[in-house]
Amino acid sequence: MSGGPTPISQCASIDDLSGIVGKHLIYAYDNGWKYELYVRNAETIEFRCLLGPMFGRWSKNQPAKMVRLTDGLYKLAWVEPTGTTTNVILWLPDRRVHTTISYPQWMLDYPESTLGRYEDNLDDIIADRDRGPTYPLTLVSSNGRITFLETRDPDDDTVIDRAPGKLPTGYADRTN
């Protein structure tokens, strides 16, 4: 019998992350903020804030949970050392992104320790996080467009390798 839905046993697994691993993208939110994301491997991402109030923040080797929802549609989630929780949905074929972030109150009150590479400031970040306050959480939900998309090798240390302020002029404005 043909024409019916594909049996679940024949569908690609939600664990199949081959379509997202190695992706390197720049995306712009409707509010004007710009971020860069590199899916280093099936368990790790790297990111930089290229434009917006969190400019300068970046991280390497951030553990993340990922799932393939359907062809070209992925959900990535992670908790940063700051206590910030990020959920990103990527529609690669449509070049769209939706992100929901919950910021702990301390990050909005005094974010200074977080405006660099997380790994370089972990002691300060943890001290600020533990001092709090954690609540209330501020929930930010944003839609955006993927303006630059390429495939790189997994675990490539050259993709996100420097602070946003050290990037060449026009880097964040690249499109393809």
N, C-alpha and C. Protein backbone atom coordinates (compact mmCIF):
# COMPACT_ATOMS: atom_id res chain seq x y z
N MET A 1 0.85 -1.16 0.00
CA MET A 1 0.00 0.00 0.00
C MET A 1 0.90 1.23 0.00
N SER A 2 0.61 2.21 -0.85
CA SER A 2 1.43 3.41 -0.92
C SER A 2 0.56 4.64 -0.69
N GLY A 3 1.23 5.77 -0.48
CA GLY A 3 0.52 7.02 -0.30
C GLY A 3 0.23 7.36 1.15
N GLY A 4 0.43 6.43 2.05
CA GLY A 4 0.18 6.70 3.47
C GLY A 4 1.40 7.29 4.14
N PRO A 5 1.28 7.58 5.41
CA PRO A 5 2.43 8.13 6.15
C PRO A 5 3.56 7.12 6.26
N THR A 6 4.76 7.62 6.37
CA THR A 6 5.92 6.76 6.54
C THR A 6 5.89 6.15 7.93
N PRO A 7 6.03 4.84 8.03
CA PRO A 7 6.06 4.22 9.36
C PRO A 7 7.19 4.80 10.19
N ILE A 8 6.94 4.95 11.48
CA ILE A 8 7.94 5.51 12.38
C ILE A 8 9.25 4.74 12.30
N SER A 9 9.17 3.44 12.11
CA SER A 9 10.39 2.63 12.06
C SER A 9 11.28 3.01 10.88
N GLN A 10 10.72 3.70 9.86
CA GLN A 10 11.51 4.09 8.69
C GLN A 10 11.96 5.55 8.75
N CYS A 11 11.51 6.32 9.73
CA CYS A 11 11.88 7.73 9.86
C CYS A 11 13.27 7.84 10.48
N ALA A 12 13.98 8.92 10.11
CA ALA A 12 15.28 9.17 10.71
C ALA A 12 15.08 9.42 12.21
N SER A 13 16.02 9.01 12.98
CA SER A 13 15.96 9.12 14.43
C SER A 13 16.13 10.57 14.88
N ILE A 14 15.47 10.92 16.00
CA ILE A 14 15.68 12.24 16.58
C ILE A 14 17.11 12.38 17.09
N ASP A 15 17.78 11.25 17.25
CA ASP A 15 19.17 11.26 17.69
C ASP A 15 20.13 11.51 16.53
N ASP A 16 19.63 11.54 15.29
CA ASP A 16 20.48 11.77 14.13
C ASP A 16 20.77 13.26 14.02
N LEU A 17 21.94 13.65 14.46
CA LEU A 17 22.32 15.06 14.48
C LEU A 17 23.29 15.41 13.35
N SER A 18 23.41 14.52 12.37
CA SER A 18 24.36 14.75 11.28
C SER A 18 24.04 16.02 10.48
N GLY A 19 22.80 16.47 10.48
CA GLY A 19 22.43 17.66 9.74
C GLY A 19 22.71 18.97 10.48
N ILE A 20 23.10 18.88 11.74
CA ILE A 20 23.38 20.09 12.52
C ILE A 20 24.83 20.17 13.00
N VAL A 21 25.47 19.04 13.23
CA VAL A 21 26.87 19.05 13.70
C VAL A 21 27.76 19.67 12.63
N GLY A 22 28.57 20.61 13.06
CA GLY A 22 29.46 21.33 12.15
C GLY A 22 28.86 22.61 11.58
N LYS A 23 27.58 22.85 11.82
CA LYS A 23 26.97 24.08 11.30
C LYS A 23 27.51 25.29 12.05
N HIS A 24 27.81 26.31 11.27
CA HIS A 24 28.29 27.58 11.78
C HIS A 24 27.36 28.64 11.21
N LEU A 25 26.75 29.43 12.08
CA LEU A 25 25.78 30.39 11.59
C LEU A 25 25.83 31.70 12.36
N ILE A 26 25.42 32.74 11.67
CA ILE A 26 25.20 34.05 12.27
C ILE A 26 23.72 34.32 12.08
N TYR A 27 23.07 34.79 13.14
CA TYR A 27 21.65 35.10 13.03
C TYR A 27 21.35 36.44 13.68
N ALA A 28 20.36 37.11 13.11
CA ALA A 28 19.94 38.43 13.57
C ALA A 28 18.50 38.34 14.06
N TYR A 29 18.28 38.77 15.29
CA TYR A 29 16.93 38.78 15.84
C TYR A 29 16.19 40.03 15.37
N ASP A 30 14.88 39.96 15.44
CA ASP A 30 14.03 41.08 15.05
C ASP A 30 14.34 42.34 15.86
N ASN A 31 14.88 42.18 17.09
CA ASN A 31 15.21 43.33 17.92
C ASN A 31 16.58 43.94 17.59
N GLY A 32 17.28 43.36 16.60
CA GLY A 32 18.58 43.89 16.17
C GLY A 32 19.79 43.19 16.75
N TRP A 33 19.60 42.37 17.77
CA TRP A 33 20.74 41.64 18.35
C TRP A 33 21.25 40.63 17.33
N LYS A 34 22.56 40.37 17.34
CA LYS A 34 23.17 39.37 16.46
C LYS A 34 24.01 38.41 17.27
N TYR A 35 23.86 37.14 16.95
CA TYR A 35 24.64 36.09 17.60
C TYR A 35 25.27 35.19 16.56
N GLU A 36 26.28 34.50 16.99
CA GLU A 36 26.97 33.50 16.17
C GLU A 36 26.96 32.20 16.95
N LEU A 37 26.74 31.10 16.24
CA LEU A 37 26.67 29.78 16.87
C LEU A 37 27.44 28.79 16.01
N TYR A 38 28.19 27.94 16.66
CA TYR A 38 28.89 26.84 15.99
C TYR A 38 28.55 25.58 16.75
N VAL A 39 27.99 24.58 16.05
CA VAL A 39 27.67 23.30 16.66
C VAL A 39 28.92 22.44 16.53
N ARG A 40 29.70 22.44 17.59
CA ARG A 40 31.03 21.80 17.60
C ARG A 40 30.94 20.29 17.42
N ASN A 41 29.99 19.67 18.11
CA ASN A 41 29.74 18.23 18.00
C ASN A 41 28.35 17.97 18.57
N ALA A 42 27.97 16.72 18.72
CA ALA A 42 26.61 16.38 19.14
C ALA A 42 26.31 16.74 20.60
N GLU A 43 27.31 17.19 21.34
CA GLU A 43 27.11 17.52 22.76
C GLU A 43 27.62 18.90 23.14
N THR A 44 28.16 19.66 22.18
CA THR A 44 28.84 20.90 22.51
C THR A 44 28.59 21.97 21.46
N ILE A 45 28.35 23.21 21.93
CA ILE A 45 28.23 24.35 21.04
C ILE A 45 29.22 25.42 21.47
N GLU A 46 29.42 26.40 20.60
CA GLU A 46 30.21 27.58 20.92
C GLU A 46 29.43 28.77 20.38
N PHE A 47 29.54 29.93 21.05
CA PHE A 47 28.76 31.08 20.61
C PHE A 47 29.47 32.38 20.93
N ARG A 48 29.03 33.44 20.23
CA ARG A 48 29.47 34.80 20.49
C ARG A 48 28.28 35.73 20.33
N CYS A 49 28.21 36.75 21.16
CA CYS A 49 27.26 37.83 20.97
C CYS A 49 27.96 38.90 20.14
N LEU A 50 27.46 39.13 18.92
CA LEU A 50 28.10 40.05 17.99
C LEU A 50 27.53 41.46 18.03
N LEU A 51 26.27 41.59 18.50
CA LEU A 51 25.64 42.90 18.56
C LEU A 51 24.49 42.85 19.55
N GLY A 52 24.40 43.86 20.40
CA GLY A 52 23.33 43.91 21.39
C GLY A 52 23.89 44.18 22.76
N PRO A 53 23.02 44.23 23.78
CA PRO A 53 23.46 44.58 25.13
C PRO A 53 24.43 43.57 25.73
N MET A 54 24.45 42.36 25.22
CA MET A 54 25.37 41.35 25.75
C MET A 54 26.63 41.23 24.87
N PHE A 55 26.89 42.25 24.02
CA PHE A 55 28.07 42.23 23.16
C PHE A 55 29.33 41.95 23.98
N GLY A 56 30.14 41.07 23.45
CA GLY A 56 31.39 40.72 24.11
C GLY A 56 31.34 39.36 24.77
N ARG A 57 30.15 38.87 25.06
CA ARG A 57 30.00 37.56 25.70
C ARG A 57 30.28 36.48 24.66
N TRP A 58 31.06 35.48 25.06
CA TRP A 58 31.32 34.34 24.18
C TRP A 58 31.74 33.15 25.01
N SER A 59 31.59 31.96 24.42
CA SER A 59 31.91 30.74 25.14
C SER A 59 32.36 29.67 24.18
N LYS A 60 33.30 28.88 24.64
CA LYS A 60 33.77 27.70 23.89
C LYS A 60 33.40 26.45 24.70
N ASN A 61 33.14 25.39 24.00
CA ASN A 61 32.89 24.09 24.62
C ASN A 61 31.76 24.12 25.65
N GLN A 62 30.66 24.77 25.30
CA GLN A 62 29.48 24.83 26.16
C GLN A 62 28.66 23.55 25.96
N PRO A 63 28.51 22.74 27.01
CA PRO A 63 27.67 21.54 26.88
C PRO A 63 26.25 21.92 26.50
N ALA A 64 25.65 21.15 25.60
CA ALA A 64 24.29 21.42 25.14
C ALA A 64 23.57 20.11 24.87
N LYS A 65 22.26 20.17 24.98
CA LYS A 65 21.40 19.05 24.58
C LYS A 65 20.81 19.41 23.23
N MET A 66 20.78 18.45 22.33
CA MET A 66 20.27 18.70 20.98
C MET A 66 19.35 17.57 20.57
N VAL A 67 18.36 17.95 19.76
CA VAL A 67 17.45 16.96 19.23
C VAL A 67 17.04 17.40 17.82
N ARG A 68 16.91 16.44 16.96
CA ARG A 68 16.39 16.67 15.61
C ARG A 68 14.88 16.50 15.70
N LEU A 69 14.12 17.53 15.37
CA LEU A 69 12.67 17.45 15.43
C LEU A 69 12.09 16.86 14.15
N THR A 70 12.65 17.25 13.03
CA THR A 70 12.31 16.73 11.71
C THR A 70 13.41 17.19 10.76
N ASP A 71 13.29 16.89 9.50
CA ASP A 71 14.34 17.28 8.55
C ASP A 71 14.61 18.77 8.61
N GLY A 72 15.84 19.15 8.92
CA GLY A 72 16.25 20.55 8.94
C GLY A 72 15.77 21.35 10.12
N LEU A 73 15.09 20.73 11.07
CA LEU A 73 14.54 21.43 12.24
C LEU A 73 15.16 20.83 13.51
N TYR A 74 15.84 21.68 14.28
CA TYR A 74 16.58 21.22 15.46
C TYR A 74 16.27 22.11 16.66
N LYS A 75 16.34 21.50 17.83
CA LYS A 75 16.23 22.24 19.08
C LYS A 75 17.52 22.01 19.86
N LEU A 76 18.12 23.10 20.33
CA LEU A 76 19.34 23.06 21.13
C LEU A 76 19.03 23.77 22.44
N ALA A 77 19.56 23.25 23.54
CA ALA A 77 19.33 23.86 24.84
C ALA A 77 20.58 23.73 25.70
N TRP A 78 20.84 24.77 26.48
CA TRP A 78 21.98 24.73 27.39
C TRP A 78 21.77 25.67 28.56
N VAL A 79 22.51 25.39 29.64
CA VAL A 79 22.53 26.24 30.83
C VAL A 79 23.96 26.76 30.97
N GLU A 80 24.08 28.08 30.94
CA GLU A 80 25.40 28.71 31.03
C GLU A 80 25.84 28.81 32.48
N PRO A 81 27.13 29.01 32.72
CA PRO A 81 27.63 29.13 34.10
C PRO A 81 26.96 30.27 34.87
N THR A 82 26.39 31.23 34.16
CA THR A 82 25.71 32.36 34.78
C THR A 82 24.37 31.96 35.38
N GLY A 83 23.85 30.80 34.98
CA GLY A 83 22.50 30.40 35.35
C GLY A 83 21.49 30.71 34.26
N THR A 84 21.94 31.34 33.19
CA THR A 84 21.09 31.63 32.04
C THR A 84 20.75 30.33 31.33
N THR A 85 19.48 30.13 31.02
CA THR A 85 19.04 28.96 30.27
C THR A 85 18.62 29.41 28.89
N THR A 86 19.15 28.74 27.87
CA THR A 86 18.88 29.11 26.48
C THR A 86 18.30 27.92 25.73
N ASN A 87 17.23 28.18 24.98
CA ASN A 87 16.62 27.19 24.09
C ASN A 87 16.54 27.82 22.71
N VAL A 88 17.15 27.16 21.71
CA VAL A 88 17.18 27.67 20.34
C VAL A 88 16.53 26.64 19.43
N ILE A 89 15.61 27.10 18.60
CA ILE A 89 15.03 26.25 17.56
C ILE A 89 15.54 26.80 16.23
N LEU A 90 16.16 25.92 15.44
CA LEU A 90 16.73 26.30 14.15
C LEU A 90 15.97 25.60 13.02
N TRP A 91 15.42 26.39 12.10
CA TRP A 91 14.83 25.86 10.86
C TRP A 91 15.86 26.16 9.78
N LEU A 92 16.75 25.23 9.51
CA LEU A 92 17.84 25.48 8.57
C LEU A 92 17.34 25.75 7.14
N PRO A 93 16.41 24.95 6.59
CA PRO A 93 15.98 25.22 5.21
C PRO A 93 15.33 26.60 5.04
N ASP A 94 14.60 27.06 6.05
CA ASP A 94 13.94 28.36 6.00
C ASP A 94 14.82 29.48 6.54
N ARG A 95 15.97 29.10 7.10
CA ARG A 95 16.92 30.06 7.68
C ARG A 95 16.26 30.94 8.74
N ARG A 96 15.51 30.27 9.62
CA ARG A 96 14.85 30.97 10.72
C ARG A 96 15.36 30.43 12.05
N VAL A 97 15.23 31.26 13.08
CA VAL A 97 15.64 30.88 14.42
C VAL A 97 14.62 31.46 15.41
N HIS A 98 14.35 30.70 16.44
CA HIS A 98 13.55 31.19 17.56
C HIS A 98 14.29 30.82 18.83
N THR A 99 14.45 31.79 19.71
CA THR A 99 15.19 31.57 20.95
C THR A 99 14.36 32.03 22.14
N THR A 100 14.40 31.23 23.18
CA THR A 100 13.84 31.63 24.47
C THR A 100 14.96 31.54 25.49
N ILE A 101 15.20 32.65 26.17
CA ILE A 101 16.28 32.74 27.15
C ILE A 101 15.69 33.19 28.48
N SER A 102 16.12 32.56 29.57
CA SER A 102 15.75 33.07 30.90
C SER A 102 17.01 33.56 31.59
N TYR A 103 17.02 34.86 31.87
CA TYR A 103 18.16 35.50 32.54
C TYR A 103 17.87 35.61 34.03
N PRO A 104 18.81 35.17 34.88
CA PRO A 104 18.65 35.42 36.32
C PRO A 104 18.83 36.92 36.60
N GLN A 105 18.18 37.41 37.62
CA GLN A 105 18.16 38.84 37.91
C GLN A 105 19.56 39.44 38.05
N TRP A 106 20.50 38.70 38.65
CA TRP A 106 21.83 39.27 38.87
C TRP A 106 22.50 39.66 37.57
N MET A 107 22.20 38.92 36.48
CA MET A 107 22.83 39.24 35.20
C MET A 107 22.35 40.58 34.66
N LEU A 108 21.12 40.93 34.95
CA LEU A 108 20.59 42.21 34.50
C LEU A 108 21.06 43.34 35.40
N ASP A 109 21.28 43.04 36.69
CA ASP A 109 21.72 44.05 37.65
C ASP A 109 23.19 44.40 37.49
N TYR A 110 24.05 43.40 37.28
CA TYR A 110 25.48 43.64 37.12
C TYR A 110 26.12 42.55 36.27
N PRO A 111 26.03 42.71 34.94
CA PRO A 111 26.52 41.69 34.02
C PRO A 111 28.01 41.76 33.71
N GLU A 112 28.73 42.68 34.33
CA GLU A 112 30.11 42.95 33.93
C GLU A 112 31.00 41.71 33.87
N SER A 113 30.89 40.81 34.84
CA SER A 113 31.77 39.64 34.85
C SER A 113 31.50 38.69 33.69
N THR A 114 30.34 38.86 33.03
CA THR A 114 29.97 37.93 31.95
C THR A 114 30.30 38.46 30.56
N LEU A 115 30.79 39.69 30.47
CA LEU A 115 31.01 40.31 29.16
C LEU A 115 32.40 40.03 28.63
N GLY A 116 32.71 38.78 28.51
CA GLY A 116 33.98 38.31 27.97
C GLY A 116 33.82 36.82 27.72
N ARG A 117 34.92 36.13 27.65
CA ARG A 117 34.88 34.68 27.46
C ARG A 117 34.59 34.04 28.81
N TYR A 118 33.51 33.29 28.87
CA TYR A 118 33.09 32.68 30.14
C TYR A 118 34.24 31.93 30.81
N GLU A 119 34.94 31.16 30.03
CA GLU A 119 35.98 30.31 30.60
C GLU A 119 37.11 31.11 31.25
N ASP A 120 37.28 32.36 30.84
CA ASP A 120 38.32 33.22 31.42
C ASP A 120 37.88 33.88 32.72
N ASN A 121 36.57 33.88 32.99
CA ASN A 121 36.03 34.60 34.14
C ASN A 121 35.18 33.72 35.04
N LEU A 122 35.36 32.42 35.00
CA LEU A 122 34.47 31.52 35.73
C LEU A 122 34.40 31.81 37.23
N ASP A 123 35.51 32.09 37.87
CA ASP A 123 35.48 32.34 39.31
C ASP A 123 34.62 33.56 39.63
N ASP A 124 34.77 34.64 38.86
CA ASP A 124 33.97 35.85 39.08
C ASP A 124 32.49 35.59 38.76
N ILE A 125 32.24 34.88 37.67
CA ILE A 125 30.85 34.58 37.28
C ILE A 125 30.16 33.76 38.36
N ILE A 126 30.84 32.73 38.86
CA ILE A 126 30.24 31.86 39.88
C ILE A 126 30.01 32.65 41.17
N ALA A 127 30.95 33.51 41.55
CA ALA A 127 30.76 34.33 42.76
C ALA A 127 29.57 35.26 42.59
N ASP A 128 29.45 35.92 41.43
CA ASP A 128 28.31 36.81 41.18
C ASP A 128 27.01 36.02 41.14
N ARG A 129 27.04 34.87 40.48
CA ARG A 129 25.84 34.03 40.39
C ARG A 129 25.39 33.59 41.78
N ASP A 130 26.33 33.15 42.59
CA ASP A 130 25.99 32.65 43.92
C ASP A 130 25.53 33.78 44.86
N ARG A 131 26.00 35.00 44.62
CA ARG A 131 25.56 36.16 45.41
C ARG A 131 24.13 36.54 45.04
N GLY A 132 23.77 36.30 43.77
CA GLY A 132 22.40 36.52 43.32
C GLY A 132 22.04 37.98 43.18
N PRO A 133 20.77 38.28 43.14
CA PRO A 133 19.66 37.34 43.25
C PRO A 133 19.40 36.58 41.94
N THR A 134 18.95 35.35 42.10
CA THR A 134 18.59 34.54 40.94
C THR A 134 17.21 34.94 40.42
N TYR A 135 16.28 35.15 41.35
CA TYR A 135 14.91 35.48 40.95
C TYR A 135 14.65 36.95 41.15
N PRO A 136 13.78 37.56 40.38
CA PRO A 136 12.97 36.89 39.36
C PRO A 136 13.80 36.60 38.11
N LEU A 137 13.35 35.64 37.35
CA LEU A 137 13.95 35.36 36.05
C LEU A 137 13.27 36.26 35.02
N THR A 138 14.05 36.77 34.09
CA THR A 138 13.50 37.55 32.99
C THR A 138 13.51 36.68 31.75
N LEU A 139 12.36 36.47 31.18
CA LEU A 139 12.20 35.60 30.02
C LEU A 139 12.18 36.47 28.76
N VAL A 140 13.07 36.15 27.82
CA VAL A 140 13.15 36.87 26.55
C VAL A 140 12.91 35.85 25.45
N SER A 141 11.97 36.14 24.58
CA SER A 141 11.65 35.25 23.47
C SER A 141 11.80 36.05 22.18
N SER A 142 12.62 35.54 21.24
CA SER A 142 12.95 36.30 20.04
C SER A 142 12.92 35.44 18.79
N ASN A 143 12.45 36.03 17.71
CA ASN A 143 12.51 35.41 16.39
C ASN A 143 13.61 36.09 15.59
N GLY A 144 14.19 35.35 14.66
CA GLY A 144 15.22 35.94 13.84
C GLY A 144 15.45 35.18 12.55
N ARG A 145 16.41 35.69 11.78
CA ARG A 145 16.78 35.11 10.50
C ARG A 145 18.25 34.70 10.55
N ILE A 146 18.53 33.55 9.96
CA ILE A 146 19.91 33.11 9.80
C ILE A 146 20.44 33.85 8.57
N THR A 147 21.45 34.70 8.79
CA THR A 147 21.99 35.52 7.71
C THR A 147 23.23 34.92 7.07
N PHE A 148 23.89 34.04 7.81
CA PHE A 148 25.09 33.37 7.30
C PHE A 148 25.06 31.93 7.79
N LEU A 149 25.29 30.99 6.88
CA LEU A 149 25.24 29.57 7.22
C LEU A 149 26.28 28.83 6.40
N GLU A 150 27.10 28.06 7.09
CA GLU A 150 28.09 27.21 6.42
C GLU A 150 28.28 25.95 7.23
N THR A 151 28.87 24.96 6.61
CA THR A 151 29.21 23.71 7.29
C THR A 151 30.71 23.65 7.46
N ARG A 152 31.13 23.43 8.69
CA ARG A 152 32.55 23.29 9.02
C ARG A 152 32.77 21.89 9.57
N ASP A 153 34.02 21.50 9.70
CA ASP A 153 34.32 20.21 10.32
C ASP A 153 33.93 20.26 11.79
N PRO A 154 33.52 19.12 12.34
CA PRO A 154 33.28 19.07 13.79
C PRO A 154 34.58 19.36 14.56
N ASP A 155 34.43 19.89 15.75
CA ASP A 155 35.55 20.12 16.68
C ASP A 155 36.66 20.97 16.07
N ASP A 156 36.28 21.98 15.29
CA ASP A 156 37.23 22.89 14.65
C ASP A 156 37.48 24.08 15.57
N ASP A 157 38.68 24.16 16.13
CA ASP A 157 39.02 25.23 17.07
C ASP A 157 39.16 26.59 16.40
N THR A 158 39.14 26.65 15.07
CA THR A 158 39.33 27.93 14.39
C THR A 158 38.02 28.68 14.12
N VAL A 159 36.87 28.05 14.38
CA VAL A 159 35.60 28.70 14.04
C VAL A 159 35.32 29.86 14.99
N ILE A 160 35.25 29.60 16.26
CA ILE A 160 35.06 30.65 17.27
C ILE A 160 36.33 30.65 18.11
N ASP A 161 37.23 31.56 17.75
CA ASP A 161 38.57 31.51 18.33
C ASP A 161 39.04 32.82 18.94
N ARG A 162 38.14 33.82 18.99
CA ARG A 162 38.55 35.11 19.57
C ARG A 162 37.32 35.88 20.02
N ALA A 163 37.57 36.89 20.82
CA ALA A 163 36.50 37.73 21.34
C ALA A 163 35.80 38.48 20.21
N PRO A 164 34.51 38.78 20.37
CA PRO A 164 33.79 39.52 19.33
C PRO A 164 34.47 40.85 18.96
N GLY A 165 35.04 41.53 19.93
CA GLY A 165 35.71 42.80 19.66
C GLY A 165 36.99 42.67 18.87
N LYS A 166 37.48 41.46 18.69
CA LYS A 166 38.73 41.21 17.96
C LYS A 166 38.47 40.71 16.54
N LEU A 167 37.20 40.67 16.13
CA LEU A 167 36.85 40.18 14.79
C LEU A 167 37.09 41.27 13.75
N PRO A 168 37.33 40.87 12.50
CA PRO A 168 37.54 41.87 11.45
C PRO A 168 36.29 42.73 11.24
N THR A 169 36.48 43.94 10.80
CA THR A 169 35.35 44.83 10.48
C THR A 169 34.44 44.15 9.46
N GLY A 170 33.15 44.21 9.72
CA GLY A 170 32.16 43.62 8.81
C GLY A 170 31.88 42.15 9.04
N TYR A 171 32.59 41.52 9.96
CA TYR A 171 32.42 40.08 10.20
C TYR A 171 30.97 39.71 10.47
N ALA A 172 30.30 40.45 11.35
CA ALA A 172 28.93 40.13 11.74
C ALA A 172 27.91 40.39 10.63
N ASP A 173 28.33 41.14 9.61
CA ASP A 173 27.42 41.50 8.52
C ASP A 173 27.51 40.55 7.33
N ARG A 174 28.31 39.50 7.42
CA ARG A 174 28.44 38.55 6.32
C ARG A 174 27.09 37.89 6.04
N THR A 175 26.79 37.67 4.79
CA THR A 175 25.56 36.99 4.39
C THR A 175 25.90 36.00 3.28
N ASN A 176 25.04 35.00 3.16
CA ASN A 176 25.14 34.06 2.04
C ASN A 176 23.78 33.44 1.79
